[in-house]
Amino acid sequence: MTVTEPVDTGPAAEGVIAADAPRPAPGATPPRTPLIARAAAELVGTGALVVVVVGSGIQATKLTDDVALQLLANSTATVFGLGVLIALLGPVSGAHFNPAVTLAEWWTARRGGAGVTARELAVYVPSQIVGAIAGAILADAMFGEPLVKWSTHDRSAGNLLLGEVVATAGLILLIFGLARTDRLRFAPVAVASYIGAAYWFTSSTSFANPAVTIGRAFTDTFAGIAPASVPAFIGMQLIGAVVGLALVAVIFMRAKTVGGRPSA
C-alpha cells in the first residue's frame, strides 16, 4: 500500500493497517508514546526495581542470618521483579531503568542506529535517578527503617570494581546483542536471568546500574553501598558499558555487501 492510495476505514481495514503499520527498529523507544509517559515509566520502573532489591534484602536479613540464603532471597526476588517490570513497561519506554543502557542507546543512535535522542537522554537519566532514590526510601519506610540513612557498606575494593566492569559489559552485550539479532522479545526473561546469575558470578553482586547504585547509597541495609564507594562503582559501570558496546560491534558485526552480495 502506498501513501497515495485511498484507505478503507472499516474494521477489517483497520486490522490490516495495524498489521502493516511501521514498527520501531529493535532497541528503539516506541515512537508514539509521549515523552512524559516514557519518563514516568522510567521513574516508576527504576523505583520499583530498587524497592525489590532493597526490600527483599531487608526481608532476607530479618528471616535468616545465613548470608548465602540472604543473597539467594535477594537475587530471586530481583529476577522475578525485573522480568515483570521489563514486560510491563518495555512497550512504553523500552524499560531501560539504567543510565548505562540509555547512554549506550544514545551513542548507538548517534552512529546511525536506533535509539534515544539527546533530549530523551536528558529526560530519562534524571527520571531513573529520582526513581531509584524514591525506591530506596519507600523500601526503608515499608520495613520501619530510617527513611534516609547513608549506607556504611564499603564496596571500594578493586576486585569489586572489576566485578562491576564485567557485570555491566555483559548486560550491554546481552541487550544490544538481542537488538542486533531481532530477539528483544526475549528481553524480560534474558535480562532478568542474566542479572540473577550475575549476583552470584560477580564479586560485586552485579549492581551494573548507576541510578540503582545512587539509590542504594540512601539505605544502610543489606543492599546498601557507602556514598564514598559510589563514584568508583559508576565509573566502572560506564567503562563496562563501553566494553559491552565494543563487544557488540565485534561479535555482531554486520556483513558488508558488494554488488548486492555479502563480502567476506
Protein backbone atom coordinates (compact mmCIF):
# COMPACT_ATOMS: atom_id res chain seq x y z
CA MET A 1 0.00 0.00 0.00
CA THR A 2 1.30 3.45 -0.88
CA VAL A 3 0.55 6.67 0.94
CA THR A 4 -1.43 7.95 -2.05
CA GLU A 5 -3.93 5.09 -2.19
CA PRO A 6 -7.39 5.55 -0.65
CA VAL A 7 -7.82 3.88 2.71
CA ASP A 8 -10.85 1.88 3.76
CA THR A 9 -11.59 2.81 7.37
CA GLY A 10 -13.78 -0.18 8.16
CA PRO A 11 -12.92 -2.63 10.96
CA ALA A 12 -11.30 -5.15 8.60
CA ALA A 13 -9.14 -2.47 7.03
CA GLU A 14 -8.12 -1.19 10.46
CA GLY A 15 -6.77 -4.63 11.30
CA VAL A 16 -4.77 -4.70 8.08
CA ILE A 17 -3.41 -1.20 8.70
CA ALA A 18 -2.40 -2.17 12.23
CA ALA A 19 -0.60 -5.22 10.91
CA ASP A 20 1.15 -3.24 8.16
CA ALA A 21 1.98 -0.18 10.29
CA PRO A 22 5.66 0.63 10.66
CA ARG A 23 7.20 -0.89 13.76
CA PRO A 24 10.12 0.53 15.74
CA ALA A 25 13.52 -0.92 14.99
CA PRO A 26 14.96 -3.35 17.57
CA GLY A 27 16.17 -1.38 20.56
CA ALA A 28 14.26 1.76 19.58
CA THR A 29 11.99 3.53 22.02
CA PRO A 30 8.32 3.26 20.95
CA PRO A 31 7.77 6.41 18.84
CA ARG A 32 4.10 7.09 19.57
CA THR A 33 4.42 7.23 23.34
CA PRO A 34 4.62 10.81 24.71
CA LEU A 35 7.93 11.64 26.35
CA ILE A 36 6.24 12.41 29.66
CA ALA A 37 4.77 8.88 29.71
CA ARG A 38 8.17 7.37 28.94
CA ALA A 39 9.77 9.46 31.69
CA ALA A 40 7.10 8.30 34.14
CA ALA A 41 7.69 4.68 33.11
CA GLU A 42 11.43 5.05 33.69
CA LEU A 43 10.92 6.73 37.06
CA VAL A 44 8.36 4.18 38.29
CA GLY A 45 10.22 1.22 36.81
CA THR A 46 13.58 2.17 38.31
CA GLY A 47 11.92 2.97 41.63
CA ALA A 48 10.11 -0.36 41.69
CA LEU A 49 13.33 -2.18 40.84
CA VAL A 50 15.09 -0.57 43.82
CA VAL A 51 12.12 -1.38 46.06
CA VAL A 52 12.52 -5.03 45.06
CA VAL A 53 16.29 -5.05 45.58
CA VAL A 54 16.33 -3.16 48.88
CA GLY A 55 13.07 -4.54 50.27
CA SER A 56 13.96 -8.18 49.61
CA GLY A 57 17.38 -7.58 51.15
CA ILE A 58 15.83 -6.22 54.34
CA GLN A 59 13.30 -9.04 54.48
CA ALA A 60 16.02 -11.64 53.98
CA THR A 61 18.13 -10.31 56.86
CA LYS A 62 15.07 -10.40 59.12
CA LEU A 63 14.37 -14.04 58.28
CA THR A 64 17.85 -15.58 58.42
CA ASP A 65 21.43 -14.89 59.50
CA ASP A 66 22.80 -17.09 56.72
CA VAL A 67 24.41 -14.72 54.20
CA ALA A 68 24.09 -17.25 51.39
CA LEU A 69 20.34 -17.55 51.96
CA GLN A 70 20.08 -13.77 52.19
CA LEU A 71 21.73 -13.40 48.80
CA LEU A 72 19.60 -16.20 47.34
CA ALA A 73 16.41 -14.48 48.51
CA ASN A 74 17.63 -11.10 47.26
CA SER A 75 18.64 -12.38 43.83
CA THR A 76 15.50 -14.48 43.36
CA ALA A 77 13.21 -11.55 44.12
CA THR A 78 15.22 -9.36 41.77
CA VAL A 79 14.96 -11.85 38.89
CA PHE A 80 11.17 -12.05 39.11
CA GLY A 81 10.67 -8.36 39.83
CA LEU A 82 12.91 -7.18 37.00
CA GLY A 83 11.35 -9.58 34.50
CA VAL A 84 7.85 -8.34 35.32
CA LEU A 85 8.88 -4.68 35.10
CA ILE A 86 10.52 -5.13 31.69
CA ALA A 87 7.49 -6.98 30.35
CA LEU A 88 5.12 -4.32 31.69
CA LEU A 89 6.97 -1.11 30.85
CA GLY A 90 9.10 -2.17 27.90
CA PRO A 91 6.37 -1.24 25.38
CA VAL A 92 6.19 2.27 26.90
CA SER A 93 9.79 3.41 27.39
CA GLY A 94 11.98 0.49 26.37
CA ALA A 95 12.40 -0.39 30.07
CA HIS A 96 15.95 0.93 30.41
CA PHE A 97 15.81 1.62 34.18
CA ASN A 98 19.55 2.19 33.82
CA PRO A 99 21.57 5.25 32.68
CA ALA A 100 24.28 2.95 31.29
CA VAL A 101 21.74 1.37 28.93
CA THR A 102 20.29 4.76 27.99
CA LEU A 103 23.74 6.22 27.30
CA ALA A 104 24.67 3.18 25.22
CA GLU A 105 21.48 3.52 23.19
CA TRP A 106 22.08 7.23 22.68
CA TRP A 107 25.60 6.51 21.43
CA THR A 108 24.25 3.86 19.08
CA ALA A 109 21.71 6.35 17.71
CA ARG A 110 24.45 8.93 17.11
CA ARG A 111 26.21 6.41 14.90
CA GLY A 112 23.15 5.76 12.79
CA GLY A 113 21.40 3.05 14.79
CA ALA A 114 18.06 3.07 16.58
CA GLY A 115 17.97 4.75 19.97
CA VAL A 116 17.12 7.74 22.11
CA THR A 117 17.86 11.34 21.20
CA ALA A 118 19.88 13.76 23.33
CA ARG A 119 16.62 15.31 24.56
CA GLU A 120 15.27 11.92 25.59
CA LEU A 121 18.59 11.10 27.26
CA ALA A 122 18.32 14.30 29.29
CA VAL A 123 14.85 13.23 30.49
CA TYR A 124 15.46 9.51 31.01
CA VAL A 125 18.56 9.69 33.20
CA PRO A 126 17.21 12.14 35.84
CA SER A 127 13.96 10.15 35.94
CA GLN A 128 15.89 6.96 36.63
CA ILE A 129 17.97 8.56 39.39
CA VAL A 130 14.97 10.16 41.11
CA GLY A 131 13.08 6.88 40.86
CA ALA A 132 15.97 4.93 42.38
CA ILE A 133 16.26 7.28 45.36
CA ALA A 134 12.49 7.22 45.92
CA GLY A 135 12.51 3.43 45.70
CA ALA A 136 15.16 3.12 48.42
CA ILE A 137 13.23 5.48 50.70
CA LEU A 138 9.97 3.59 50.10
CA ALA A 139 11.57 0.23 50.86
CA ASP A 140 13.02 1.60 54.10
CA ALA A 141 9.62 3.04 55.04
CA MET A 142 7.85 -0.30 54.49
CA PHE A 143 10.23 -2.10 56.85
CA GLY A 144 10.37 0.59 59.54
CA GLU A 145 13.94 1.62 58.75
CA PRO A 146 15.11 5.26 58.83
CA LEU A 147 13.84 6.83 55.61
CA VAL A 148 17.28 8.14 54.70
CA LYS A 149 20.37 6.73 56.33
CA TRP A 150 23.60 6.70 54.37
CA SER A 151 24.92 3.22 53.90
CA THR A 152 28.09 2.21 55.73
CA HIS A 153 28.70 -0.78 53.44
CA ASP A 154 32.10 -0.10 51.91
CA ARG A 155 32.48 -1.53 48.40
CA SER A 156 35.70 0.16 47.29
CA ALA A 157 37.92 -2.92 46.86
CA GLY A 158 39.50 -3.31 43.44
CA ASN A 159 38.05 -6.77 42.85
CA LEU A 160 34.55 -5.38 43.36
CA LEU A 161 35.20 -2.63 40.83
CA LEU A 162 36.36 -5.24 38.31
CA GLY A 163 33.15 -7.13 39.01
CA GLU A 164 31.15 -4.06 38.00
CA VAL A 165 33.02 -3.76 34.70
CA VAL A 166 32.27 -7.41 33.93
CA ALA A 167 28.63 -7.21 35.05
CA THR A 168 27.85 -4.07 33.04
CA ALA A 169 29.72 -5.20 29.94
CA GLY A 170 27.76 -8.44 29.95
CA LEU A 171 24.46 -6.61 30.39
CA ILE A 172 25.13 -4.26 27.47
CA LEU A 173 26.32 -7.14 25.30
CA LEU A 174 23.13 -9.05 26.07
CA ILE A 175 20.68 -6.21 25.45
CA PHE A 176 22.27 -4.88 22.26
CA GLY A 177 23.07 -8.37 21.02
CA LEU A 178 19.36 -9.21 21.30
CA ALA A 179 18.56 -5.99 19.44
CA ARG A 180 21.04 -6.74 16.65
CA THR A 181 19.53 -10.19 16.14
CA ASP A 182 15.90 -9.02 16.36
CA ARG A 183 15.22 -11.02 19.52
CA LEU A 184 14.31 -8.29 22.01
CA ARG A 185 11.06 -10.17 22.67
CA PHE A 186 13.17 -12.38 24.93
CA ALA A 187 14.48 -9.40 26.95
CA PRO A 188 12.26 -9.82 30.04
CA VAL A 189 13.48 -13.38 30.61
CA ALA A 190 17.02 -12.93 29.29
CA VAL A 191 17.91 -9.72 31.13
CA ALA A 192 16.33 -10.83 34.41
CA SER A 193 18.09 -14.20 34.19
CA TYR A 194 21.44 -12.55 33.48
CA ILE A 195 21.15 -10.20 36.46
CA GLY A 196 20.15 -13.11 38.69
CA ALA A 197 23.16 -15.10 37.56
CA ALA A 198 25.49 -12.10 37.85
CA TYR A 199 24.50 -11.71 41.51
CA TRP A 200 26.45 -14.92 42.01
CA PHE A 201 29.26 -14.91 39.45
CA THR A 202 30.48 -11.34 40.08
CA SER A 203 32.26 -10.23 43.23
CA SER A 204 30.17 -7.04 43.41
CA THR A 205 26.79 -8.84 43.18
CA SER A 206 26.17 -7.01 39.90
CA PHE A 207 24.87 -3.51 40.52
CA ALA A 208 25.56 -2.74 36.81
CA ASN A 209 23.40 0.38 37.03
CA PRO A 210 24.44 3.94 38.00
CA ALA A 211 20.94 5.02 39.07
CA VAL A 212 20.40 1.97 41.26
CA THR A 213 23.87 2.47 42.73
CA ILE A 214 22.96 6.02 43.75
CA GLY A 215 19.63 4.90 45.19
CA ARG A 216 21.22 2.13 47.24
CA ALA A 217 23.51 4.65 48.96
CA PHE A 218 20.41 6.02 50.73
CA THR A 219 19.79 2.85 52.74
CA ASP A 220 22.02 1.38 55.43
CA THR A 221 20.72 -2.15 54.90
CA PHE A 222 21.78 -5.38 53.19
CA ALA A 223 21.72 -3.90 49.66
CA GLY A 224 23.34 -0.58 50.55
CA ILE A 225 26.58 0.94 49.29
CA ALA A 226 28.59 3.61 51.11
CA PRO A 227 28.41 7.01 49.36
CA ALA A 228 32.22 7.07 49.15
CA SER A 229 32.10 3.89 47.04
CA VAL A 230 29.50 5.23 44.59
CA PRO A 231 31.72 7.30 42.21
CA ALA A 232 34.14 4.43 41.56
CA PHE A 233 31.26 1.99 41.02
CA ILE A 234 29.61 4.31 38.50
CA GLY A 235 32.93 4.91 36.75
CA MET A 236 33.48 1.18 36.35
CA GLN A 237 29.91 0.69 35.14
CA LEU A 238 30.46 3.28 32.40
CA ILE A 239 33.70 1.58 31.41
CA GLY A 240 31.81 -1.70 31.31
CA ALA A 241 29.20 -0.13 29.02
CA VAL A 242 31.95 0.93 26.60
CA VAL A 243 33.44 -2.57 26.70
CA GLY A 244 30.00 -4.06 26.10
CA LEU A 245 29.37 -1.86 23.05
CA ALA A 246 32.78 -2.79 21.66
CA LEU A 247 31.95 -6.48 22.06
CA VAL A 248 28.62 -5.96 20.31
CA ALA A 249 30.39 -4.23 17.40
CA VAL A 250 32.83 -7.13 17.01
CA ILE A 251 30.59 -10.13 17.70
CA PHE A 252 27.54 -8.87 15.82
CA MET A 253 29.43 -7.19 13.01
CA ARG A 254 27.16 -6.57 10.02
CA ALA A 255 28.36 -8.11 6.78
CA LYS A 256 29.43 -5.69 4.04
CA THR A 257 27.83 -6.15 0.65
CA VAL A 258 29.50 -5.98 -2.74
CA GLY A 259 27.21 -5.95 -5.75
CA GLY A 260 24.27 -6.94 -3.56
CA ARG A 261 26.10 -9.96 -2.16
CA PRO A 262 27.74 -10.32 1.28
CA SER A 263 31.50 -9.97 1.19
CA ALA A 264 33.93 -11.86 3.40
